[in-house]
PDB file of all heavy atoms in Angstrom:
ATOM      1  N   HIS A   1      12.650   3.478 -11.130  1.00  0.00           N
ATOM      2  CA  HIS A   1      11.495   4.282 -11.534  1.00  0.00           C
ATOM      3  C   HIS A   1      11.448   5.593 -10.753  1.00  0.00           C
ATOM      4  O   HIS A   1      11.180   6.660 -11.330  1.00  0.00           O
ATOM      5  CB  HIS A   1      10.205   3.491 -11.306  1.00  0.00           C
ATOM      6  CG  HIS A   1       9.870   2.539 -12.413  1.00  0.00           C
ATOM      7  ND1 HIS A   1       9.511   2.973 -13.672  1.00  0.00           N
ATOM      8  CD2 HIS A   1       9.848   1.184 -12.454  1.00  0.00           C
ATOM      9  CE1 HIS A   1       9.266   1.919 -14.450  1.00  0.00           C
ATOM     10  NE2 HIS A   1       9.475   0.821 -13.733  1.00  0.00           N
ATOM     11  N   LYS A   2      11.708   5.521  -9.466  1.00  0.00           N
ATOM     12  CA  LYS A   2      11.698   6.746  -8.667  1.00  0.00           C
ATOM     13  C   LYS A   2      12.754   7.726  -9.161  1.00  0.00           C
ATOM     14  O   LYS A   2      12.517   8.949  -9.221  1.00  0.00           O
ATOM     15  CB  LYS A   2      11.934   6.409  -7.193  1.00  0.00           C
ATOM     16  CG  LYS A   2      10.747   5.754  -6.500  1.00  0.00           C
ATOM     17  CD  LYS A   2      11.050   5.560  -5.013  1.00  0.00           C
ATOM     18  CE  LYS A   2       9.850   5.102  -4.239  1.00  0.00           C
ATOM     19  NZ  LYS A   2      10.119   4.971  -2.782  1.00  0.00           N
ATOM     20  N   SER A   3      13.926   7.203  -9.516  1.00  0.00           N
ATOM     21  CA  SER A   3      15.008   8.071  -9.988  1.00  0.00           C
ATOM     22  C   SER A   3      14.668   8.741 -11.312  1.00  0.00           C
ATOM     23  O   SER A   3      15.212   9.798 -11.637  1.00  0.00           O
ATOM     24  CB  SER A   3      16.300   7.268 -10.129  1.00  0.00           C
ATOM     25  OG  SER A   3      16.256   6.400 -11.254  1.00  0.00           O
ATOM     26  N   GLN A   4      13.757   8.122 -12.074  1.00  0.00           N
ATOM     27  CA  GLN A   4      13.307   8.698 -13.344  1.00  0.00           C
ATOM     28  C   GLN A   4      12.174   9.709 -13.151  1.00  0.00           C
ATOM     29  O   GLN A   4      11.711  10.322 -14.113  1.00  0.00           O
ATOM     30  CB  GLN A   4      12.810   7.582 -14.276  1.00  0.00           C
ATOM     31  CG  GLN A   4      13.824   6.509 -14.595  1.00  0.00           C
ATOM     32  CD  GLN A   4      15.075   7.061 -15.252  1.00  0.00           C
ATOM     33  OE1 GLN A   4      15.006   7.746 -16.263  1.00  0.00           O
ATOM     34  NE2 GLN A   4      16.217   6.789 -14.650  1.00  0.00           N
ATOM     35  N   GLY A   5      11.708   9.834 -11.904  1.00  0.00           N
ATOM     36  CA  GLY A   5      10.600  10.737 -11.635  1.00  0.00           C
ATOM     37  C   GLY A   5       9.240  10.118 -11.879  1.00  0.00           C
ATOM     38  O   GLY A   5       8.224  10.828 -11.923  1.00  0.00           O
ATOM     39  N   ASP A   6       9.182   8.782 -12.041  1.00  0.00           N
ATOM     40  CA  ASP A   6       7.920   8.101 -12.290  1.00  0.00           C
ATOM     41  C   ASP A   6       7.107   7.953 -11.005  1.00  0.00           C
ATOM     42  O   ASP A   6       7.672   7.876  -9.904  1.00  0.00           O
ATOM     43  CB  ASP A   6       8.173   6.693 -12.851  1.00  0.00           C
ATOM     44  CG  ASP A   6       8.921   6.716 -14.175  1.00  0.00           C
ATOM     45  OD1 ASP A   6       8.942   7.773 -14.821  1.00  0.00           O
ATOM     46  OD2 ASP A   6       9.480   5.664 -14.546  1.00  0.00           O
ATOM     47  N   ASP A   7       5.799   7.909 -11.151  1.00  0.00           N
ATOM     48  CA  ASP A   7       4.938   7.527 -10.040  1.00  0.00           C
ATOM     49  C   ASP A   7       4.965   6.003  -9.927  1.00  0.00           C
ATOM     50  O   ASP A   7       4.873   5.297 -10.937  1.00  0.00           O
ATOM     51  CB  ASP A   7       3.499   7.991 -10.280  1.00  0.00           C
ATOM     52  CG  ASP A   7       3.326   9.481 -10.074  1.00  0.00           C
ATOM     53  OD1 ASP A   7       4.216  10.104  -9.455  1.00  0.00           O
ATOM     54  OD2 ASP A   7       2.307  10.030 -10.519  1.00  0.00           O
ATOM     55  N   VAL A   8       5.091   5.503  -8.707  1.00  0.00           N
ATOM     56  CA  VAL A   8       5.145   4.065  -8.460  1.00  0.00           C
ATOM     57  C   VAL A   8       4.048   3.701  -7.469  1.00  0.00           C
ATOM     58  O   VAL A   8       3.867   4.386  -6.452  1.00  0.00           O
ATOM     59  CB  VAL A   8       6.513   3.644  -7.885  1.00  0.00           C
ATOM     60  CG1 VAL A   8       6.555   2.133  -7.627  1.00  0.00           C
ATOM     61  CG2 VAL A   8       7.643   4.049  -8.815  1.00  0.00           C
ATOM     62  N   VAL A   9       3.296   2.630  -7.761  1.00  0.00           N
ATOM     63  CA  VAL A   9       2.236   2.187  -6.858  1.00  0.00           C
ATOM     64  C   VAL A   9       2.241   0.669  -6.802  1.00  0.00           C
ATOM     65  O   VAL A   9       2.463  -0.008  -7.808  1.00  0.00           O
ATOM     66  CB  VAL A   9       0.848   2.717  -7.305  1.00  0.00           C
ATOM     67  CG1 VAL A   9       0.517   2.254  -8.712  1.00  0.00           C
ATOM     68  CG2 VAL A   9      -0.241   2.297  -6.337  1.00  0.00           C
ATOM     69  N   VAL A  10       2.041   0.130  -5.607  1.00  0.00           N
ATOM     70  CA  VAL A  10       1.904  -1.314  -5.408  1.00  0.00           C
ATOM     71  C   VAL A  10       0.423  -1.658  -5.501  1.00  0.00           C
ATOM     72  O   VAL A  10      -0.408  -1.032  -4.829  1.00  0.00           O
ATOM     73  CB  VAL A  10       2.472  -1.744  -4.040  1.00  0.00           C
ATOM     74  CG1 VAL A  10       2.265  -3.238  -3.813  1.00  0.00           C
ATOM     75  CG2 VAL A  10       3.957  -1.401  -3.952  1.00  0.00           C
ATOM     76  N   VAL A  11       0.078  -2.640  -6.338  1.00  0.00           N
ATOM     77  CA  VAL A  11      -1.315  -3.037  -6.550  1.00  0.00           C
ATOM     78  C   VAL A  11      -1.408  -4.528  -6.261  1.00  0.00           C
ATOM     79  O   VAL A  11      -0.857  -5.344  -7.003  1.00  0.00           O
ATOM     80  CB  VAL A  11      -1.779  -2.733  -7.989  1.00  0.00           C
ATOM     81  CG1 VAL A  11      -3.274  -2.986  -8.116  1.00  0.00           C
ATOM     82  CG2 VAL A  11      -1.441  -1.300  -8.381  1.00  0.00           C
ATOM     83  N   SER A  12      -2.129  -4.890  -5.188  1.00  0.00           N
ATOM     84  CA  SER A  12      -2.021  -6.261  -4.706  1.00  0.00           C
ATOM     85  C   SER A  12      -3.292  -6.747  -4.035  1.00  0.00           C
ATOM     86  O   SER A  12      -4.060  -5.958  -3.475  1.00  0.00           O
ATOM     87  CB  SER A  12      -0.865  -6.343  -3.691  1.00  0.00           C
ATOM     88  OG  SER A  12      -0.789  -7.616  -3.095  1.00  0.00           O
ATOM     89  N   ALA A  13      -3.489  -8.071  -4.067  1.00  0.00           N
ATOM     90  CA  ALA A  13      -4.557  -8.698  -3.297  1.00  0.00           C
ATOM     91  C   ALA A  13      -4.146  -8.904  -1.839  1.00  0.00           C
ATOM     92  O   ALA A  13      -4.958  -9.362  -1.031  1.00  0.00           O
ATOM     93  CB  ALA A  13      -4.941 -10.045  -3.916  1.00  0.00           C
ATOM     94  N   SER A  14      -2.908  -8.571  -1.496  1.00  0.00           N
ATOM     95  CA  SER A  14      -2.454  -8.681  -0.118  1.00  0.00           C
ATOM     96  C   SER A  14      -3.272  -7.757   0.785  1.00  0.00           C
ATOM     97  O   SER A  14      -3.893  -6.805   0.325  1.00  0.00           O
ATOM     98  CB  SER A  14      -0.969  -8.332  -0.016  1.00  0.00           C
ATOM     99  OG  SER A  14      -0.193  -9.247  -0.756  1.00  0.00           O
ATOM    100  N   LEU A  15      -3.247  -8.021   2.072  1.00  0.00           N
ATOM    101  CA  LEU A  15      -4.104  -7.317   3.027  1.00  0.00           C
ATOM    102  C   LEU A  15      -3.503  -5.995   3.494  1.00  0.00           C
ATOM    103  O   LEU A  15      -2.295  -5.893   3.729  1.00  0.00           O
ATOM    104  CB  LEU A  15      -4.382  -8.207   4.232  1.00  0.00           C
ATOM    105  CG  LEU A  15      -5.097  -9.524   3.931  1.00  0.00           C
ATOM    106  CD1 LEU A  15      -5.230 -10.358   5.202  1.00  0.00           C
ATOM    107  CD2 LEU A  15      -6.467  -9.271   3.318  1.00  0.00           C
ATOM    108  N   ASN A  16      -4.376  -5.016   3.671  1.00  0.00           N
ATOM    109  CA  ASN A  16      -3.946  -3.686   4.081  1.00  0.00           C
ATOM    110  C   ASN A  16      -3.229  -3.670   5.422  1.00  0.00           C
ATOM    111  O   ASN A  16      -2.360  -2.838   5.661  1.00  0.00           O
ATOM    112  CB  ASN A  16      -5.152  -2.748   4.150  1.00  0.00           C
ATOM    113  CG  ASN A  16      -6.174  -3.178   5.196  1.00  0.00           C
ATOM    114  OD1 ASN A  16      -6.648  -4.316   5.190  1.00  0.00           O
ATOM    115  ND2 ASN A  16      -6.550  -2.269   6.079  1.00  0.00           N
ATOM    116  N   VAL A  17      -3.564  -4.604   6.306  1.00  0.00           N
ATOM    117  CA  VAL A  17      -3.017  -4.545   7.664  1.00  0.00           C
ATOM    118  C   VAL A  17      -1.515  -4.791   7.708  1.00  0.00           C
ATOM    119  O   VAL A  17      -0.842  -4.350   8.640  1.00  0.00           O
ATOM    120  CB  VAL A  17      -3.743  -5.526   8.609  1.00  0.00           C
ATOM    121  CG1 VAL A  17      -5.153  -5.048   8.899  1.00  0.00           C
ATOM    122  CG2 VAL A  17      -3.758  -6.944   8.045  1.00  0.00           C
ATOM    123  N   TYR A  18      -0.972  -5.483   6.708  1.00  0.00           N
ATOM    124  CA  TYR A  18       0.490  -5.627   6.678  1.00  0.00           C
ATOM    125  C   TYR A  18       1.128  -4.954   5.469  1.00  0.00           C
ATOM    126  O   TYR A  18       2.247  -4.438   5.562  1.00  0.00           O
ATOM    127  CB  TYR A  18       0.909  -7.092   6.773  1.00  0.00           C
ATOM    128  CG  TYR A  18       0.544  -7.993   5.612  1.00  0.00           C
ATOM    129  CD1 TYR A  18       1.335  -8.065   4.468  1.00  0.00           C
ATOM    130  CD2 TYR A  18      -0.588  -8.809   5.678  1.00  0.00           C
ATOM    131  CE1 TYR A  18       1.007  -8.909   3.424  1.00  0.00           C
ATOM    132  CE2 TYR A  18      -0.923  -9.658   4.643  1.00  0.00           C
ATOM    133  CZ  TYR A  18      -0.114  -9.708   3.506  1.00  0.00           C
ATOM    134  OH  TYR A  18      -0.443 -10.550   2.474  1.00  0.00           O
ATOM    135  N   LEU A  19       0.424  -4.921   4.334  1.00  0.00           N
ATOM    136  CA  LEU A  19       1.005  -4.261   3.166  1.00  0.00           C
ATOM    137  C   LEU A  19       1.074  -2.757   3.388  1.00  0.00           C
ATOM    138  O   LEU A  19       2.050  -2.110   2.994  1.00  0.00           O
ATOM    139  CB  LEU A  19       0.181  -4.572   1.919  1.00  0.00           C
ATOM    140  CG  LEU A  19       0.735  -3.987   0.615  1.00  0.00           C
ATOM    141  CD1 LEU A  19       2.114  -4.577   0.303  1.00  0.00           C
ATOM    142  CD2 LEU A  19      -0.223  -4.222  -0.547  1.00  0.00           C
ATOM    143  N   GLY A  20       0.064  -2.194   4.041  1.00  0.00           N
ATOM    144  CA  GLY A  20       0.037  -0.762   4.292  1.00  0.00           C
ATOM    145  C   GLY A  20       1.250  -0.274   5.068  1.00  0.00           C
ATOM    146  O   GLY A  20       1.953   0.642   4.612  1.00  0.00           O
ATOM    147  N   PRO A  21       1.544  -0.859   6.237  1.00  0.00           N
ATOM    148  CA  PRO A  21       2.727  -0.399   6.986  1.00  0.00           C
ATOM    149  C   PRO A  21       4.028  -0.575   6.206  1.00  0.00           C
ATOM    150  O   PRO A  21       4.924   0.274   6.288  1.00  0.00           O
ATOM    151  CB  PRO A  21       2.704  -1.294   8.235  1.00  0.00           C
ATOM    152  CG  PRO A  21       1.270  -1.658   8.416  1.00  0.00           C
ATOM    153  CD  PRO A  21       0.722  -1.796   7.019  1.00  0.00           C
ATOM    154  N   TRP A  22       4.125  -1.685   5.442  1.00  0.00           N
ATOM    155  CA  TRP A  22       5.346  -1.910   4.668  1.00  0.00           C
ATOM    156  C   TRP A  22       5.512  -0.817   3.612  1.00  0.00           C
ATOM    157  O   TRP A  22       6.610  -0.262   3.445  1.00  0.00           O
ATOM    158  CB  TRP A  22       5.304  -3.285   4.001  1.00  0.00           C
ATOM    159  CG  TRP A  22       6.577  -3.637   3.300  1.00  0.00           C
ATOM    160  CD1 TRP A  22       7.686  -4.237   3.844  1.00  0.00           C
ATOM    161  CD2 TRP A  22       6.901  -3.372   1.925  1.00  0.00           C
ATOM    162  NE1 TRP A  22       8.673  -4.367   2.882  1.00  0.00           N
ATOM    163  CE2 TRP A  22       8.223  -3.841   1.692  1.00  0.00           C
ATOM    164  CE3 TRP A  22       6.200  -2.790   0.861  1.00  0.00           C
ATOM    165  CZ2 TRP A  22       8.845  -3.754   0.458  1.00  0.00           C
ATOM    166  CZ3 TRP A  22       6.824  -2.687  -0.377  1.00  0.00           C
ATOM    167  CH2 TRP A  22       8.129  -3.169  -0.573  1.00  0.00           C
ATOM    168  N   CYS A  23       4.447  -0.495   2.900  1.00  0.00           N
ATOM    169  CA  CYS A  23       4.512   0.537   1.866  1.00  0.00           C
ATOM    170  C   CYS A  23       4.715   1.923   2.470  1.00  0.00           C
ATOM    171  O   CYS A  23       5.500   2.733   1.949  1.00  0.00           O
ATOM    172  CB  CYS A  23       3.248   0.509   1.016  1.00  0.00           C
ATOM    173  SG  CYS A  23       3.112  -0.907  -0.106  1.00  0.00           S
ATOM    174  N   ASP A  24       4.028   2.206   3.569  1.00  0.00           N
ATOM    175  CA  ASP A  24       4.157   3.520   4.198  1.00  0.00           C
ATOM    176  C   ASP A  24       5.596   3.786   4.629  1.00  0.00           C
ATOM    177  O   ASP A  24       6.099   4.915   4.509  1.00  0.00           O
ATOM    178  CB  ASP A  24       3.231   3.620   5.412  1.00  0.00           C
ATOM    179  CG  ASP A  24       1.765   3.719   5.017  1.00  0.00           C
ATOM    180  OD1 ASP A  24       1.481   4.063   3.856  1.00  0.00           O
ATOM    181  OD2 ASP A  24       0.905   3.439   5.881  1.00  0.00           O
ATOM    182  N   ALA A  25       6.268   2.748   5.121  1.00  0.00           N
ATOM    183  CA  ALA A  25       7.654   2.903   5.577  1.00  0.00           C
ATOM    184  C   ALA A  25       8.591   3.229   4.424  1.00  0.00           C
ATOM    185  O   ALA A  25       9.683   3.765   4.642  1.00  0.00           O
ATOM    186  CB  ALA A  25       8.116   1.629   6.284  1.00  0.00           C
ATOM    187  N   ARG A  26       8.166   2.921   3.197  1.00  0.00           N
ATOM    188  CA  ARG A  26       8.994   3.164   2.005  1.00  0.00           C
ATOM    189  C   ARG A  26       8.419   4.260   1.125  1.00  0.00           C
ATOM    190  O   ARG A  26       8.863   4.439  -0.008  1.00  0.00           O
ATOM    191  CB  ARG A  26       9.131   1.848   1.218  1.00  0.00           C
ATOM    192  CG  ARG A  26       9.998   0.848   1.962  1.00  0.00           C
ATOM    193  CD  ARG A  26       9.695  -0.580   1.601  1.00  0.00           C
ATOM    194  NE  ARG A  26      10.524  -1.480   2.391  1.00  0.00           N
ATOM    195  CZ  ARG A  26      10.240  -1.823   3.651  1.00  0.00           C
ATOM    196  NH1 ARG A  26       9.157  -1.342   4.250  1.00  0.00           N
ATOM    197  NH2 ARG A  26      11.047  -2.625   4.305  1.00  0.00           N
ATOM    198  N   ASN A  27       7.418   4.964   1.643  1.00  0.00           N
ATOM    199  CA  ASN A  27       6.781   6.063   0.903  1.00  0.00           C
ATOM    200  C   ASN A  27       6.265   5.588  -0.453  1.00  0.00           C
ATOM    201  O   ASN A  27       6.421   6.270  -1.464  1.00  0.00           O
ATOM    202  CB  ASN A  27       7.762   7.219   0.729  1.00  0.00           C
ATOM    203  CG  ASN A  27       7.051   8.509   0.341  1.00  0.00           C
ATOM    204  OD1 ASN A  27       5.896   8.721   0.699  1.00  0.00           O
ATOM    205  ND2 ASN A  27       7.733   9.372  -0.401  1.00  0.00           N
ATOM    206  N   LEU A  28       5.635   4.396  -0.448  1.00  0.00           N
ATOM    207  CA  LEU A  28       5.069   3.837  -1.672  1.00  0.00           C
ATOM    208  C   LEU A  28       3.549   3.851  -1.577  1.00  0.00           C
ATOM    209  O   LEU A  28       2.977   3.248  -0.660  1.00  0.00           O
ATOM    210  CB  LEU A  28       5.535   2.391  -1.863  1.00  0.00           C
ATOM    211  CG  LEU A  28       6.945   2.158  -2.375  1.00  0.00           C
ATOM    212  CD1 LEU A  28       7.280   0.671  -2.320  1.00  0.00           C
ATOM    213  CD2 LEU A  28       7.091   2.690  -3.803  1.00  0.00           C
ATOM    214  N   PRO A  29       2.855   4.507  -2.484  1.00  0.00           N
ATOM    215  CA  PRO A  29       1.403   4.396  -2.522  1.00  0.00           C
ATOM    216  C   PRO A  29       1.014   2.944  -2.804  1.00  0.00           C
ATOM    217  O   PRO A  29       1.768   2.195  -3.435  1.00  0.00           O
ATOM    218  CB  PRO A  29       0.997   5.308  -3.684  1.00  0.00           C
ATOM    219  CG  PRO A  29       2.169   6.200  -3.900  1.00  0.00           C
ATOM    220  CD  PRO A  29       3.369   5.398  -3.541  1.00  0.00           C
ATOM    221  N   TYR A  30      -0.172   2.558  -2.360  1.00  0.00           N
ATOM    222  CA  TYR A  30      -0.595   1.175  -2.572  1.00  0.00           C
ATOM    223  C   TYR A  30      -2.104   1.086  -2.737  1.00  0.00           C
ATOM    224  O   TYR A  30      -2.868   1.926  -2.258  1.00  0.00           O
ATOM    225  CB  TYR A  30      -0.150   0.285  -1.406  1.00  0.00           C
ATOM    226  CG  TYR A  30      -0.718   0.683  -0.057  1.00  0.00           C
ATOM    227  CD1 TYR A  30      -1.893   0.117   0.433  1.00  0.00           C
ATOM    228  CD2 TYR A  30      -0.085   1.652   0.719  1.00  0.00           C
ATOM    229  CE1 TYR A  30      -2.408   0.492   1.661  1.00  0.00           C
ATOM    230  CE2 TYR A  30      -0.596   2.034   1.949  1.00  0.00           C
ATOM    231  CZ  TYR A  30      -1.755   1.453   2.412  1.00  0.00           C
ATOM    232  OH  TYR A  30      -2.279   1.843   3.622  1.00  0.00           O
ATOM    233  N   ILE A  31      -2.513   0.029  -3.441  1.00  0.00           N
ATOM    234  CA  ILE A  31      -3.913  -0.341  -3.631  1.00  0.00           C
ATOM    235  C   ILE A  31      -3.985  -1.821  -3.280  1.00  0.00           C
ATOM    236  O   ILE A  31      -3.201  -2.612  -3.829  1.00  0.00           O
ATOM    237  CB  ILE A  31      -4.356  -0.112  -5.086  1.00  0.00           C
ATOM    238  CG1 ILE A  31      -4.244   1.363  -5.467  1.00  0.00           C
ATOM    239  CG2 ILE A  31      -5.773  -0.615  -5.315  1.00  0.00           C
ATOM    240  CD1 ILE A  31      -4.416   1.623  -6.963  1.00  0.00           C
ATOM    241  N   CYS A  32      -4.893  -2.209  -2.395  1.00  0.00           N
ATOM    242  CA  CYS A  32      -4.874  -3.603  -1.954  1.00  0.00           C
ATOM    243  C   CYS A  32      -6.238  -4.023  -1.397  1.00  0.00           C
ATOM    244  O   CYS A  32      -7.178  -3.232  -1.332  1.00  0.00           O
ATOM    245  CB  CYS A  32      -3.801  -3.805  -0.900  1.00  0.00           C
ATOM    246  SG  CYS A  32      -4.116  -2.931   0.667  1.00  0.00           S
ATOM    247  N   THR A  33      -6.316  -5.264  -0.988  1.00  0.00           N
ATOM    248  CA  THR A  33      -7.509  -5.775  -0.321  1.00  0.00           C
ATOM    249  C   THR A  33      -7.570  -5.193   1.088  1.00  0.00           C
ATOM    250  O   THR A  33      -6.600  -5.277   1.842  1.00  0.00           O
ATOM    251  CB  THR A  33      -7.477  -7.316  -0.256  1.00  0.00           C
ATOM    252  OG1 THR A  33      -7.437  -7.831  -1.589  1.00  0.00           O
ATOM    253  CG2 THR A  33      -8.712  -7.851   0.455  1.00  0.00           C
ATOM    254  N   THR A  34      -8.714  -4.609   1.434  1.00  0.00           N
ATOM    255  CA  THR A  34      -8.861  -3.923   2.714  1.00  0.00           C
ATOM    256  C   THR A  34      -9.929  -4.609   3.563  1.00  0.00           C
ATOM    257  O   THR A  34     -11.072  -4.775   3.120  1.00  0.00           O
ATOM    258  CB  THR A  34      -9.253  -2.449   2.495  1.00  0.00           C
ATOM    259  OG1 THR A  34      -8.225  -1.805   1.729  1.00  0.00           O
ATOM    260  CG2 THR A  34      -9.433  -1.722   3.819  1.00  0.00           C
ATOM    261  N   LEU A  35      -9.551  -5.018   4.755  1.00  0.00           N
ATOM    262  CA  LEU A  35     -10.489  -5.656   5.669  1.00  0.00           C
ATOM    263  C   LEU A  35     -11.424  -4.602   6.266  1.00  0.00           C
ATOM    264  O   LEU A  35     -10.972  -3.557   6.736  1.00  0.00           O
ATOM    265  CB  LEU A  35      -9.732  -6.378   6.786  1.00  0.00           C
ATOM    266  CG  LEU A  35      -8.815  -7.524   6.330  1.00  0.00           C
ATOM    267  CD1 LEU A  35      -7.996  -8.048   7.516  1.00  0.00           C
ATOM    268  CD2 LEU A  35      -9.631  -8.651   5.716  1.00  0.00           C
ATOM    269  N   GLU A  36     -12.713  -4.884   6.252  1.00  0.00           N
ATOM    270  CA  GLU A  36     -13.708  -3.935   6.760  1.00  0.00           C
ATOM    271  C   GLU A  36     -13.744  -3.961   8.289  1.00  0.00           C
ATOM    272  O   GLU A  36     -13.705  -5.028   8.897  1.00  0.00           O
ATOM    273  CB  GLU A  36     -15.078  -4.299   6.208  1.00  0.00           C
ATOM    274  CG  GLU A  36     -16.175  -3.312   6.604  1.00  0.00           C
ATOM    275  CD  GLU A  36     -17.540  -3.725   6.077  1.00  0.00           C
ATOM    276  OE1 GLU A  36     -18.081  -4.727   6.592  1.00  0.00           O
ATOM    277  OE2 GLU A  36     -18.042  -3.057   5.167  1.00  0.00           O
ATOM    278  N   GLU A  37     -13.858  -2.771   8.884  1.00  0.00           N
ATOM    279  CA  GLU A  37     -13.924  -2.636  10.341  1.00  0.00           C
ATOM    280  C   GLU A  37     -15.200  -1.894  10.736  1.00  0.00           C
ATOM    281  O   GLU A  37     -15.622  -0.958  10.051  1.00  0.00           O
ATOM    282  CB  GLU A  37     -12.718  -1.855  10.862  1.00  0.00           C
ATOM    283  CG  GLU A  37     -11.374  -2.452  10.538  1.00  0.00           C
ATOM    284  CD  GLU A  37     -10.228  -1.577  11.027  1.00  0.00           C
ATOM    285  OE1 GLU A  37     -10.456  -0.743  11.944  1.00  0.00           O
ATOM    286  OE2 GLU A  37      -9.118  -1.706  10.496  1.00  0.00           O
ATOM    287  N   ARG A  38     -15.776  -2.307  11.842  1.00  0.00           N
ATOM    288  CA  ARG A  38     -16.909  -1.591  12.429  1.00  0.00           C
ATOM    289  C   ARG A  38     -16.815  -1.687  13.947  1.00  0.00           C
ATOM    290  O   ARG A  38     -16.630  -2.779  14.488  1.00  0.00           O
ATOM    291  CB  ARG A  38     -18.250  -2.187  11.966  1.00  0.00           C
ATOM    292  CG  ARG A  38     -18.607  -1.865  10.522  1.00  0.00           C
ATOM    293  CD  ARG A  38     -19.980  -2.354  10.162  1.00  0.00           C
ATOM    294  NE  ARG A  38     -20.297  -2.118   8.755  1.00  0.00           N
ATOM    295  CZ  ARG A  38     -21.381  -2.559   8.148  1.00  0.00           C
ATOM    296  NH1 ARG A  38     -22.284  -3.267   8.833  1.00  0.00           N
ATOM    297  NH2 ARG A  38     -21.585  -2.308   6.873  1.00  0.00           N
ATOM    298  N   ALA A  39     -16.921  -0.540  14.585  1.00  0.00           N
ATOM    299  CA  ALA A  39     -16.899  -0.469  16.045  1.00  0.00           C
ATOM    300  C   ALA A  39     -15.693  -1.191  16.629  1.00  0.00           C
ATOM    301  O   ALA A  39     -15.787  -1.864  17.654  1.00  0.00           O
ATOM    302  CB  ALA A  39     -18.188  -1.059  16.619  1.00  0.00           C
ATOM    303  N   GLY A  40     -14.567  -1.045  15.958  1.00  0.00           N
ATOM    304  CA  GLY A  40     -13.331  -1.582  16.496  1.00  0.00           C
ATOM    305  C   GLY A  40     -13.098  -3.058  16.246  1.00  0.00           C
ATOM    306  O   GLY A  40     -12.115  -3.621  16.735  1.00  0.00           O
TER     307      GLY A  40
END
């Protein structure tokens, strides 16, 4: 898909804390379940 010039996005119920770093390392946009944080 990338070679065709398509936009590619991962859409998952997986958690942002591990899916995010995995996708970022591969330059893949992602939409996922995000754990809420407050005051650290």
